[in-house]
Amino acid sequence: MARNNSTEENALTEEERSTFYDAVNHPQHYMKHPSGIECIAVVEHFNFNIGNAIKYLWRAGLKSDKLEDLRKAQWYVGREIERVLKFETEKIFQEPRSYEEPGGGIQLG
């Protein structure tokens, strides 16, 4: 029987409620860093790709297969590299360029 949102919290025991909130708000695999810092406190200061790469490195082997987590981190790093390269390429073609001709400089762009 499915519970609706308004009665779900009331139907849980105190222990279930504690486990439920920890799993949602503070998952164990993001809380196990030796520094005591929660992963989200760090990754929210980065863009999506870098934040996700850090997240998968942070939890590598704690939630699922370590190699799988490392490959996911690698995938996000690769995606960020592609994004930066695309941005840099677009930036090069959008920046004004000039060259000297007899009689004065000409601004291109």
PDB file of N, CA and C in Angstrom:
ATOM      1  N   MET A   1       0.841  -1.177   0.000  1.00  0.00           N
ATOM      2  CA  MET A   1       0.000   0.000   0.000  1.00  0.00           C
ATOM      3  C   MET A   1       0.887   1.242   0.000  1.00  0.00           C
ATOM      4  N   ALA A   2       0.681   2.117  -0.951  1.00  0.00           N
ATOM      5  CA  ALA A   2       1.491   3.329  -1.065  1.00  0.00           C
ATOM      6  C   ALA A   2       1.043   4.359  -0.047  1.00  0.00           C
ATOM      7  N   ARG A   3       2.020   5.061   0.510  1.00  0.00           N
ATOM      8  CA  ARG A   3       1.727   6.125   1.468  1.00  0.00           C
ATOM      9  C   ARG A   3       1.769   7.460   0.741  1.00  0.00           C
ATOM     10  N   ASN A   4       0.860   8.351   1.113  1.00  0.00           N
ATOM     11  CA  ASN A   4       0.964   9.685   0.514  1.00  0.00           C
ATOM     12  C   ASN A   4       1.910  10.516   1.363  1.00  0.00           C
ATOM     13  N   ASN A   5       2.370  11.617   0.812  1.00  0.00           N
ATOM     14  CA  ASN A   5       3.384  12.426   1.484  1.00  0.00           C
ATOM     15  C   ASN A   5       2.926  12.967   2.828  1.00  0.00           C
ATOM     16  N   SER A   6       1.659  13.291   2.986  1.00  0.00           N
ATOM     17  CA  SER A   6       1.193  13.899   4.229  1.00  0.00           C
ATOM     18  C   SER A   6       1.180  12.909   5.391  1.00  0.00           C
ATOM     19  N   THR A   7       1.001  11.624   5.123  1.00  0.00           N
ATOM     20  CA  THR A   7       0.961  10.648   6.211  1.00  0.00           C
ATOM     21  C   THR A   7       2.222   9.806   6.293  1.00  0.00           C
ATOM     22  N   GLU A   8       3.109   9.899   5.329  1.00  0.00           N
ATOM     23  CA  GLU A   8       4.297   9.043   5.312  1.00  0.00           C
ATOM     24  C   GLU A   8       5.159   9.245   6.551  1.00  0.00           C
ATOM     25  N   GLU A   9       5.426  10.467   6.939  1.00  0.00           N
ATOM     26  CA  GLU A   9       6.261  10.722   8.105  1.00  0.00           C
ATOM     27  C   GLU A   9       5.614  10.197   9.381  1.00  0.00           C
ATOM     28  N   ASN A  10       4.329  10.366   9.519  1.00  0.00           N
ATOM     29  CA  ASN A  10       3.632   9.914  10.716  1.00  0.00           C
ATOM     30  C   ASN A  10       3.624   8.397  10.826  1.00  0.00           C
ATOM     31  N   ALA A  11       3.666   7.694   9.709  1.00  0.00           N
ATOM     32  CA  ALA A  11       3.595   6.241   9.711  1.00  0.00           C
ATOM     33  C   ALA A  11       4.940   5.597  10.025  1.00  0.00           C
ATOM     34  N   LEU A  12       6.031   6.343   9.970  1.00  0.00           N
ATOM     35  CA  LEU A  12       7.349   5.799  10.236  1.00  0.00           C
ATOM     36  C   LEU A  12       7.639   5.800  11.730  1.00  0.00           C
ATOM     37  N   THR A  13       8.343   4.775  12.187  1.00  0.00           N
ATOM     38  CA  THR A  13       8.802   4.781  13.576  1.00  0.00           C
ATOM     39  C   THR A  13       9.933   5.798  13.689  1.00  0.00           C
ATOM     40  N   GLU A  14      10.317   6.134  14.916  1.00  0.00           N
ATOM     41  CA  GLU A  14      11.414   7.098  15.123  1.00  0.00           C
ATOM     42  C   GLU A  14      12.700   6.603  14.470  1.00  0.00           C
ATOM     43  N   GLU A  15      13.014   5.311  14.625  1.00  0.00           N
ATOM     44  CA  GLU A  15      14.221   4.739  14.024  1.00  0.00           C
ATOM     45  C   GLU A  15      14.142   4.791  12.501  1.00  0.00           C
ATOM     46  N   GLU A  16      12.992   4.439  11.939  1.00  0.00           N
ATOM     47  CA  GLU A  16      12.817   4.506  10.484  1.00  0.00           C
ATOM     48  C   GLU A  16      12.936   5.943   9.995  1.00  0.00           C
ATOM     49  N   ARG A  17      12.364   6.862  10.737  1.00  0.00           N
ATOM     50  CA  ARG A  17      12.415   8.273  10.352  1.00  0.00           C
ATOM     51  C   ARG A  17      13.860   8.763  10.332  1.00  0.00           C
ATOM     52  N   SER A  18      14.638   8.395  11.338  1.00  0.00           N
ATOM     53  CA  SER A  18      16.045   8.780  11.422  1.00  0.00           C
ATOM     54  C   SER A  18      16.815   8.210  10.238  1.00  0.00           C
ATOM     55  N   THR A  19      16.598   6.938   9.933  1.00  0.00           N
ATOM     56  CA  THR A  19      17.261   6.305   8.796  1.00  0.00           C
ATOM     57  C   THR A  19      16.824   6.948   7.494  1.00  0.00           C
ATOM     58  N   PHE A  20      15.530   7.226   7.356  1.00  0.00           N
ATOM     59  CA  PHE A  20      14.990   7.844   6.147  1.00  0.00           C
ATOM     60  C   PHE A  20      15.629   9.201   5.899  1.00  0.00           C
ATOM     61  N   TYR A  21      15.677  10.040   6.914  1.00  0.00           N
ATOM     62  CA  TYR A  21      16.238  11.375   6.736  1.00  0.00           C
ATOM     63  C   TYR A  21      17.738  11.332   6.488  1.00  0.00           C
ATOM     64  N   ASP A  22      18.444  10.428   7.149  1.00  0.00           N
ATOM     65  CA  ASP A  22      19.871  10.309   6.893  1.00  0.00           C
ATOM     66  C   ASP A  22      20.126   9.869   5.458  1.00  0.00           C
ATOM     67  N   ALA A  23      19.350   8.929   4.963  1.00  0.00           N
ATOM     68  CA  ALA A  23      19.532   8.432   3.608  1.00  0.00           C
ATOM     69  C   ALA A  23      19.209   9.505   2.572  1.00  0.00           C
ATOM     70  N   VAL A  24      18.298  10.384   2.898  1.00  0.00           N
ATOM     71  CA  VAL A  24      17.919  11.439   1.961  1.00  0.00           C
ATOM     72  C   VAL A  24      18.800  12.673   2.118  1.00  0.00           C
ATOM     73  N   ASN A  25      18.962  13.143   3.334  1.00  0.00           N
ATOM     74  CA  ASN A  25      19.655  14.410   3.569  1.00  0.00           C
ATOM     75  C   ASN A  25      21.161  14.280   3.793  1.00  0.00           C
ATOM     76  N   HIS A  26      21.583  13.169   4.345  1.00  0.00           N
ATOM     77  CA  HIS A  26      22.996  12.985   4.668  1.00  0.00           C
ATOM     78  C   HIS A  26      23.397  11.528   4.451  1.00  0.00           C
ATOM     79  N   PRO A  27      23.439  11.079   3.185  1.00  0.00           N
ATOM     80  CA  PRO A  27      23.786   9.675   2.928  1.00  0.00           C
ATOM     81  C   PRO A  27      25.159   9.323   3.489  1.00  0.00           C
ATOM     82  N   GLN A  28      25.267   8.133   4.037  1.00  0.00           N
ATOM     83  CA  GLN A  28      26.517   7.691   4.666  1.00  0.00           C
ATOM     84  C   GLN A  28      27.714   7.787   3.740  1.00  0.00           C
ATOM     85  N   HIS A  29      27.525   7.403   2.469  1.00  0.00           N
ATOM     86  CA  HIS A  29      28.660   7.372   1.557  1.00  0.00           C
ATOM     87  C   HIS A  29      29.187   8.769   1.210  1.00  0.00           C
ATOM     88  N   TYR A  30      28.473   9.815   1.601  1.00  0.00           N
ATOM     89  CA  TYR A  30      28.973  11.178   1.422  1.00  0.00           C
ATOM     90  C   TYR A  30      29.449  11.787   2.741  1.00  0.00           C
ATOM     91  N   MET A  31      29.353  11.029   3.826  1.00  0.00           N
ATOM     92  CA  MET A  31      29.710  11.533   5.150  1.00  0.00           C
ATOM     93  C   MET A  31      30.964  10.855   5.712  1.00  0.00           C
ATOM     94  N   LYS A  32      31.577   9.953   4.966  1.00  0.00           N
ATOM     95  CA  LYS A  32      32.662   9.133   5.511  1.00  0.00           C
ATOM     96  C   LYS A  32      34.060   9.699   5.251  1.00  0.00           C
ATOM     97  N   HIS A  33      34.174  10.911   4.780  1.00  0.00           N
ATOM     98  CA  HIS A  33      35.493  11.493   4.545  1.00  0.00           C
ATOM     99  C   HIS A  33      36.199  11.687   5.882  1.00  0.00           C
ATOM    100  N   PRO A  34      37.489  11.382   5.957  1.00  0.00           N
ATOM    101  CA  PRO A  34      38.222  11.506   7.224  1.00  0.00           C
ATOM    102  C   PRO A  34      38.183  12.914   7.826  1.00  0.00           C
ATOM    103  N   SER A  35      37.971  13.928   7.007  1.00  0.00           N
ATOM    104  CA  SER A  35      37.918  15.300   7.509  1.00  0.00           C
ATOM    105  C   SER A  35      36.628  15.594   8.272  1.00  0.00           C
ATOM    106  N   GLY A  36      35.608  14.740   8.056  1.00  0.00           N
ATOM    107  CA  GLY A  36      34.307  14.977   8.662  1.00  0.00           C
ATOM    108  C   GLY A  36      33.426  15.903   7.842  1.00  0.00           C
ATOM    109  N   ILE A  37      33.960  16.402   6.737  1.00  0.00           N
ATOM    110  CA  ILE A  37      33.205  17.297   5.857  1.00  0.00           C
ATOM    111  C   ILE A  37      32.271  16.472   4.983  1.00  0.00           C
ATOM    112  N   GLU A  38      31.058  16.937   4.805  1.00  0.00           N
ATOM    113  CA  GLU A  38      30.108  16.274   3.923  1.00  0.00           C
ATOM    114  C   GLU A  38      30.402  16.698   2.485  1.00  0.00           C
ATOM    115  N   CYS A  39      30.301  15.769   1.588  1.00  0.00           N
ATOM    116  CA  CYS A  39      30.631  15.982   0.175  1.00  0.00           C
ATOM    117  C   CYS A  39      29.954  17.223  -0.413  1.00  0.00           C
ATOM    118  N   ILE A  40      28.673  17.394  -0.147  1.00  0.00           N
ATOM    119  CA  ILE A  40      27.928  18.506  -0.750  1.00  0.00           C
ATOM    120  C   ILE A  40      28.493  19.870  -0.336  1.00  0.00           C
ATOM    121  N   ALA A  41      29.087  19.951   0.852  1.00  0.00           N
ATOM    122  CA  ALA A  41      29.673  21.212   1.306  1.00  0.00           C
ATOM    123  C   ALA A  41      30.832  21.642   0.407  1.00  0.00           C
ATOM    124  N   VAL A  42      31.449  20.688  -0.265  1.00  0.00           N
ATOM    125  CA  VAL A  42      32.548  20.984  -1.183  1.00  0.00           C
ATOM    126  C   VAL A  42      32.040  21.147  -2.612  1.00  0.00           C
ATOM    127  N   VAL A  43      31.266  20.176  -3.092  1.00  0.00           N
ATOM    128  CA  VAL A  43      30.914  20.157  -4.516  1.00  0.00           C
ATOM    129  C   VAL A  43      29.971  21.275  -4.940  1.00  0.00           C
ATOM    130  N   GLU A  44      29.216  21.844  -4.002  1.00  0.00           N
ATOM    131  CA  GLU A  44      28.294  22.908  -4.391  1.00  0.00           C
ATOM    132  C   GLU A  44      29.019  24.186  -4.819  1.00  0.00           C
ATOM    133  N   HIS A  45      30.334  24.225  -4.634  1.00  0.00           N
ATOM    134  CA  HIS A  45      31.126  25.384  -5.043  1.00  0.00           C
ATOM    135  C   HIS A  45      31.721  25.225  -6.441  1.00  0.00           C
ATOM    136  N   PHE A  46      31.408  24.126  -7.111  1.00  0.00           N
ATOM    137  CA  PHE A  46      31.932  23.846  -8.441  1.00  0.00           C
ATOM    138  C   PHE A  46      30.792  23.773  -9.450  1.00  0.00           C
ATOM    139  N   ASN A  47      31.153  23.754 -10.735  1.00  0.00           N
ATOM    140  CA  ASN A  47      30.120  23.560 -11.744  1.00  0.00           C
ATOM    141  C   ASN A  47      29.663  22.103 -11.729  1.00  0.00           C
ATOM    142  N   PHE A  48      28.666  21.793 -12.526  1.00  0.00           N
ATOM    143  CA  PHE A  48      28.037  20.479 -12.513  1.00  0.00           C
ATOM    144  C   PHE A  48      29.025  19.351 -12.778  1.00  0.00           C
ATOM    145  N   ASN A  49      29.805  19.460 -13.846  1.00  0.00           N
ATOM    146  CA  ASN A  49      30.717  18.376 -14.219  1.00  0.00           C
ATOM    147  C   ASN A  49      31.804  18.152 -13.172  1.00  0.00           C
ATOM    148  N   ILE A  50      32.433  19.210 -12.723  1.00  0.00           N
ATOM    149  CA  ILE A  50      33.496  19.071 -11.730  1.00  0.00           C
ATOM    150  C   ILE A  50      32.915  18.581 -10.404  1.00  0.00           C
ATOM    151  N   GLY A  51      31.767  19.114 -10.019  1.00  0.00           N
ATOM    152  CA  GLY A  51      31.113  18.666  -8.794  1.00  0.00           C
ATOM    153  C   GLY A  51      30.785  17.189  -8.815  1.00  0.00           C
ATOM    154  N   ASN A  52      30.273  16.710  -9.942  1.00  0.00           N
ATOM    155  CA  ASN A  52      29.958  15.279 -10.039  1.00  0.00           C
ATOM    156  C   ASN A  52      31.216  14.427 -10.040  1.00  0.00           C
ATOM    157  N   ALA A  53      32.270  14.879 -10.697  1.00  0.00           N
ATOM    158  CA  ALA A  53      33.526  14.127 -10.679  1.00  0.00           C
ATOM    159  C   ALA A  53      34.025  13.993  -9.237  1.00  0.00           C
ATOM    160  N   ILE A  54      34.000  15.094  -8.497  1.00  0.00           N
ATOM    161  CA  ILE A  54      34.424  15.058  -7.096  1.00  0.00           C
ATOM    162  C   ILE A  54      33.531  14.117  -6.297  1.00  0.00           C
ATOM    163  N   LYS A  55      32.231  14.188  -6.546  1.00  0.00           N
ATOM    164  CA  LYS A  55      31.274  13.335  -5.829  1.00  0.00           C
ATOM    165  C   LYS A  55      31.610  11.857  -6.027  1.00  0.00           C
ATOM    166  N   TYR A  56      31.874  11.461  -7.274  1.00  0.00           N
ATOM    167  CA  TYR A  56      32.170  10.046  -7.534  1.00  0.00           C
ATOM    168  C   TYR A  56      33.527   9.635  -6.970  1.00  0.00           C
ATOM    169  N   LEU A  57      34.495  10.538  -6.971  1.00  0.00           N
ATOM    170  CA  LEU A  57      35.779  10.233  -6.335  1.00  0.00           C
ATOM    171  C   LEU A  57      35.608  10.104  -4.829  1.00  0.00           C
ATOM    172  N   TRP A  58      34.812  10.989  -4.265  1.00  0.00           N
ATOM    173  CA  TRP A  58      34.568  11.028  -2.820  1.00  0.00           C
ATOM    174  C   TRP A  58      33.983   9.702  -2.327  1.00  0.00           C
ATOM    175  N   ARG A  59      32.995   9.202  -3.070  1.00  0.00           N
ATOM    176  CA  ARG A  59      32.285   8.004  -2.609  1.00  0.00           C
ATOM    177  C   ARG A  59      32.819   6.715  -3.218  1.00  0.00           C
ATOM    178  N   ALA A  60      33.911   6.793  -3.979  1.00  0.00           N
ATOM    179  CA  ALA A  60      34.444   5.617  -4.694  1.00  0.00           C
ATOM    180  C   ALA A  60      34.555   4.416  -3.762  1.00  0.00           C
ATOM    181  N   GLY A  61      33.804   3.396  -4.090  1.00  0.00           N
ATOM    182  CA  GLY A  61      33.816   2.152  -3.328  1.00  0.00           C
ATOM    183  C   GLY A  61      32.948   2.143  -2.091  1.00  0.00           C
ATOM    184  N   LEU A  62      32.332   3.270  -1.732  1.00  0.00           N
ATOM    185  CA  LEU A  62      31.503   3.311  -0.524  1.00  0.00           C
ATOM    186  C   LEU A  62      30.040   2.996  -0.802  1.00  0.00           C
ATOM    187  N   LYS A  63      29.558   3.337  -1.994  1.00  0.00           N
ATOM    188  CA  LYS A  63      28.152   3.081  -2.323  1.00  0.00           C
ATOM    189  C   LYS A  63      28.035   1.910  -3.293  1.00  0.00           C
ATOM    190  N   SER A  64      28.897   1.911  -4.280  1.00  0.00           N
ATOM    191  CA  SER A  64      28.846   0.843  -5.281  1.00  0.00           C
ATOM    192  C   SER A  64      30.277   0.437  -5.612  1.00  0.00           C
ATOM    193  N   ASP A  65      30.445  -0.204  -6.732  1.00  0.00           N
ATOM    194  CA  ASP A  65      31.742  -0.677  -7.176  1.00  0.00           C
ATOM    195  C   ASP A  65      32.729   0.482  -7.332  1.00  0.00           C
ATOM    196  N   LYS A  66      33.899   0.363  -6.744  1.00  0.00           N
ATOM    197  CA  LYS A  66      34.903   1.432  -6.763  1.00  0.00           C
ATOM    198  C   LYS A  66      35.317   1.786  -8.191  1.00  0.00           C
ATOM    199  N   LEU A  67      35.571   0.795  -9.006  1.00  0.00           N
ATOM    200  CA  LEU A  67      35.987   1.039 -10.384  1.00  0.00           C
ATOM    201  C   LEU A  67      34.892   1.761 -11.168  1.00  0.00           C
ATOM    202  N   GLU A  68      33.650   1.398 -10.915  1.00  0.00           N
ATOM    203  CA  GLU A  68      32.525   2.073 -11.574  1.00  0.00           C
ATOM    204  C   GLU A  68      32.473   3.553 -11.176  1.00  0.00           C
ATOM    205  N   ASP A  69      32.636   3.829  -9.897  1.00  0.00           N
ATOM    206  CA  ASP A  69      32.647   5.225  -9.438  1.00  0.00           C
ATOM    207  C   ASP A  69      33.800   6.002 -10.069  1.00  0.00           C
ATOM    208  N   LEU A  70      34.973   5.397 -10.159  1.00  0.00           N
ATOM    209  CA  LEU A  70      36.122   6.063 -10.768  1.00  0.00           C
ATOM    210  C   LEU A  70      35.893   6.330 -12.256  1.00  0.00           C
ATOM    211  N   ARG A  71      35.246   5.393 -12.928  1.00  0.00           N
ATOM    212  CA  ARG A  71      34.934   5.601 -14.356  1.00  0.00           C
ATOM    213  C   ARG A  71      33.911   6.715 -14.540  1.00  0.00           C
ATOM    214  N   LYS A  72      32.949   6.798 -13.636  1.00  0.00           N
ATOM    215  CA  LYS A  72      31.968   7.882 -13.708  1.00  0.00           C
ATOM    216  C   LYS A  72      32.660   9.227 -13.497  1.00  0.00           C
ATOM    217  N   ALA A  73      33.572   9.301 -12.536  1.00  0.00           N
ATOM    218  CA  ALA A  73      34.335  10.532 -12.306  1.00  0.00           C
ATOM    219  C   ALA A  73      35.123  10.897 -13.556  1.00  0.00           C
ATOM    220  N   GLN A  74      35.747   9.913 -14.157  1.00  0.00           N
ATOM    221  CA  GLN A  74      36.514  10.133 -15.382  1.00  0.00           C
ATOM    222  C   GLN A  74      35.615  10.657 -16.502  1.00  0.00           C
ATOM    223  N   TRP A  75      34.403  10.127 -16.598  1.00  0.00           N
ATOM    224  CA  TRP A  75      33.457  10.554 -17.625  1.00  0.00           C
ATOM    225  C   TRP A  75      33.119  12.040 -17.452  1.00  0.00           C
ATOM    226  N   TYR A  76      32.865  12.460 -16.213  1.00  0.00           N
ATOM    227  CA  TYR A  76      32.548  13.866 -15.961  1.00  0.00           C
ATOM    228  C   TYR A  76      33.750  14.776 -16.201  1.00  0.00           C
ATOM    229  N   VAL A  77      34.953  14.299 -15.888  1.00  0.00           N
ATOM    230  CA  VAL A  77      36.156  15.090 -16.173  1.00  0.00           C
ATOM    231  C   VAL A  77      36.308  15.252 -17.686  1.00  0.00           C
ATOM    232  N   GLY A  78      36.102  14.176 -18.429  1.00  0.00           N
ATOM    233  CA  GLY A  78      36.170  14.256 -19.886  1.00  0.00           C
ATOM    234  C   GLY A  78      35.138  15.213 -20.456  1.00  0.00           C
ATOM    235  N   ARG A  79      33.960  15.180 -19.907  1.00  0.00           N
ATOM    236  CA  ARG A  79      32.898  16.088 -20.356  1.00  0.00           C
ATOM    237  C   ARG A  79      33.257  17.545 -20.059  1.00  0.00           C
ATOM    238  N   GLU A  80      33.883  17.791 -18.924  1.00  0.00           N
ATOM    239  CA  GLU A  80      34.306  19.148 -18.580  1.00  0.00           C
ATOM    240  C   GLU A  80      35.428  19.616 -19.500  1.00  0.00           C
ATOM    241  N   ILE A  81      36.343  18.724 -19.823  1.00  0.00           N
ATOM    242  CA  ILE A  81      37.412  19.070 -20.765  1.00  0.00           C
ATOM    243  C   ILE A  81      36.809  19.462 -22.109  1.00  0.00           C
ATOM    244  N   GLU A  82      35.842  18.685 -22.598  1.00  0.00           N
ATOM    245  CA  GLU A  82      35.171  19.004 -23.866  1.00  0.00           C
ATOM    246  C   GLU A  82      34.469  20.360 -23.788  1.00  0.00           C
ATOM    247  N   ARG A  83      33.818  20.646 -22.667  1.00  0.00           N
ATOM    248  CA  ARG A  83      33.121  21.923 -22.508  1.00  0.00           C
ATOM    249  C   ARG A  83      34.101  23.084 -22.536  1.00  0.00           C
ATOM    250  N   VAL A  84      35.212  22.944 -21.828  1.00  0.00           N
ATOM    251  CA  VAL A  84      36.213  24.012 -21.781  1.00  0.00           C
ATOM    252  C   VAL A  84      36.834  24.213 -23.152  1.00  0.00           C
ATOM    253  N   LEU A  85      37.158  23.124 -23.835  1.00  0.00           N
ATOM    254  CA  LEU A  85      37.736  23.246 -25.179  1.00  0.00           C
ATOM    255  C   LEU A  85      36.768  23.927 -26.139  1.00  0.00           C
ATOM    256  N   LYS A  86      35.499  23.575 -26.049  1.00  0.00           N
ATOM    257  CA  LYS A  86      34.490  24.206 -26.906  1.00  0.00           C
ATOM    258  C   LYS A  86      34.390  25.695 -26.602  1.00  0.00           C
ATOM    259  N   PHE A  87      34.385  26.044 -25.315  1.00  0.00           N
ATOM    260  CA  PHE A  87      34.315  27.438 -24.910  1.00  0.00           C
ATOM    261  C   PHE A  87      35.527  28.208 -25.415  1.00  0.00           C
ATOM    262  N   GLU A  88      36.711  27.623 -25.241  1.00  0.00           N
ATOM    263  CA  GLU A  88      37.938  28.289 -25.687  1.00  0.00           C
ATOM    264  C   GLU A  88      37.942  28.475 -27.201  1.00  0.00           C
ATOM    265  N   THR A  89      37.465  27.475 -27.940  1.00  0.00           N
ATOM    266  CA  THR A  89      37.400  27.575 -29.397  1.00  0.00           C
ATOM    267  C   THR A  89      36.432  28.673 -29.808  1.00  0.00           C
ATOM    268  N   GLU A  90      35.260  28.713 -29.189  1.00  0.00           N
ATOM    269  CA  GLU A  90      34.280  29.755 -29.508  1.00  0.00           C
ATOM    270  C   GLU A  90      34.814  31.131 -29.139  1.00  0.00           C
ATOM    271  N   LYS A  91      35.529  31.212 -28.023  1.00  0.00           N
ATOM    272  CA  LYS A  91      36.094  32.477 -27.553  1.00  0.00           C
ATOM    273  C   LYS A  91      37.114  33.011 -28.566  1.00  0.00           C
ATOM    274  N   ILE A  92      37.945  32.129 -29.099  1.00  0.00           N
ATOM    275  CA  ILE A  92      38.954  32.531 -30.080  1.00  0.00           C
ATOM    276  C   ILE A  92      38.292  33.169 -31.295  1.00  0.00           C
ATOM    277  N   PHE A  93      37.183  32.583 -31.757  1.00  0.00           N
ATOM    278  CA  PHE A  93      36.528  33.090 -32.949  1.00  0.00           C
ATOM    279  C   PHE A  93      35.656  34.299 -32.678  1.00  0.00           C
ATOM    280  N   GLN A  94      35.369  34.598 -31.429  1.00  0.00           N
ATOM    281  CA  GLN A  94      34.551  35.758 -31.098  1.00  0.00           C
ATOM    282  C   GLN A  94      35.375  36.977 -30.716  1.00  0.00           C
ATOM    283  N   GLU A  95      36.646  36.781 -30.334  1.00  0.00           N
ATOM    284  CA  GLU A  95      37.480  37.899 -29.930  1.00  0.00           C
ATOM    285  C   GLU A  95      37.867  38.736 -31.143  1.00  0.00           C
ATOM    286  N   PRO A  96      37.814  40.041 -31.003  1.00  0.00           N
ATOM    287  CA  PRO A  96      38.240  40.899 -32.106  1.00  0.00           C
ATOM    288  C   PRO A  96      39.721  40.688 -32.397  1.00  0.00           C
ATOM    289  N   ARG A  97      40.053  40.662 -33.673  1.00  0.00           N
ATOM    290  CA  ARG A  97      41.438  40.524 -34.106  1.00  0.00           C
ATOM    291  C   ARG A  97      41.784  41.717 -34.984  1.00  0.00           C
ATOM    292  N   SER A  98      43.006  42.147 -34.954  1.00  0.00           N
ATOM    293  CA  SER A  98      43.412  43.262 -35.806  1.00  0.00           C
ATOM    294  C   SER A  98      44.708  42.925 -36.518  1.00  0.00           C
ATOM    295  N   TYR A  99      44.924  43.570 -37.618  1.00  0.00           N
ATOM    296  CA  TYR A  99      46.192  43.452 -38.313  1.00  0.00           C
ATOM    297  C   TYR A  99      46.491  44.794 -38.963  1.00  0.00           C
ATOM    298  N   GLU A 100      47.746  44.998 -39.230  1.00  0.00           N
ATOM    299  CA  GLU A 100      48.181  46.268 -39.805  1.00  0.00           C
ATOM    300  C   GLU A 100      48.167  46.182 -41.321  1.00  0.00           C
ATOM    301  N   GLU A 101      47.602  47.200 -41.919  1.00  0.00           N
ATOM    302  CA  GLU A 101      47.653  47.367 -43.366  1.00  0.00           C
ATOM    303  C   GLU A 101      48.298  48.713 -43.651  1.00  0.00           C
ATOM    304  N   PRO A 102      48.808  48.871 -44.820  1.00  0.00           N
ATOM    305  CA  PRO A 102      49.303  50.190 -45.153  1.00  0.00           C
ATOM    306  C   PRO A 102      48.191  51.200 -44.977  1.00  0.00           C
ATOM    307  N   GLY A 103      48.479  52.255 -44.267  1.00  0.00           N
ATOM    308  CA  GLY A 103      47.466  53.277 -44.063  1.00  0.00           C
ATOM    309  C   GLY A 103      46.730  53.146 -42.748  1.00  0.00           C
ATOM    310  N   GLY A 104      47.017  52.138 -41.944  1.00  0.00           N
ATOM    311  CA  GLY A 104      46.352  52.050 -40.633  1.00  0.00           C
ATOM    312  C   GLY A 104      45.927  50.651 -40.277  1.00  0.00           C
ATOM    313  N   GLY A 105      45.516  50.490 -39.054  1.00  0.00           N
ATOM    314  CA  GLY A 105      45.062  49.173 -38.566  1.00  0.00           C
ATOM    315  C   GLY A 105      43.599  48.961 -38.849  1.00  0.00           C
ATOM    316  N   ILE A 106      43.237  47.745 -39.082  1.00  0.00           N
ATOM    317  CA  ILE A 106      41.845  47.382 -39.327  1.00  0.00           C
ATOM    318  C   ILE A 106      41.435  46.408 -38.224  1.00  0.00           C
ATOM    319  N   GLN A 107      40.327  46.705 -37.605  1.00  0.00           N
ATOM    320  CA  GLN A 107      39.774  45.836 -36.541  1.00  0.00           C
ATOM    321  C   GLN A 107      38.851  44.828 -37.182  1.00  0.00           C
ATOM    322  N   LEU A 108      39.082  43.561 -36.931  1.00  0.00           N
ATOM    323  CA  LEU A 108      38.202  42.491 -37.401  1.00  0.00           C
ATOM    324  C   LEU A 108      37.427  41.944 -36.220  1.00  0.00           C
ATOM    325  N   GLY A 109      36.251  41.421 -36.484  1.00  0.00           N
ATOM    326  CA  GLY A 109      35.523  40.771 -35.406  1.00  0.00           C
ATOM    327  C   GLY A 109      34.239  41.333 -35.157  1.00  0.00           C
TER     328      GLY A 109
END
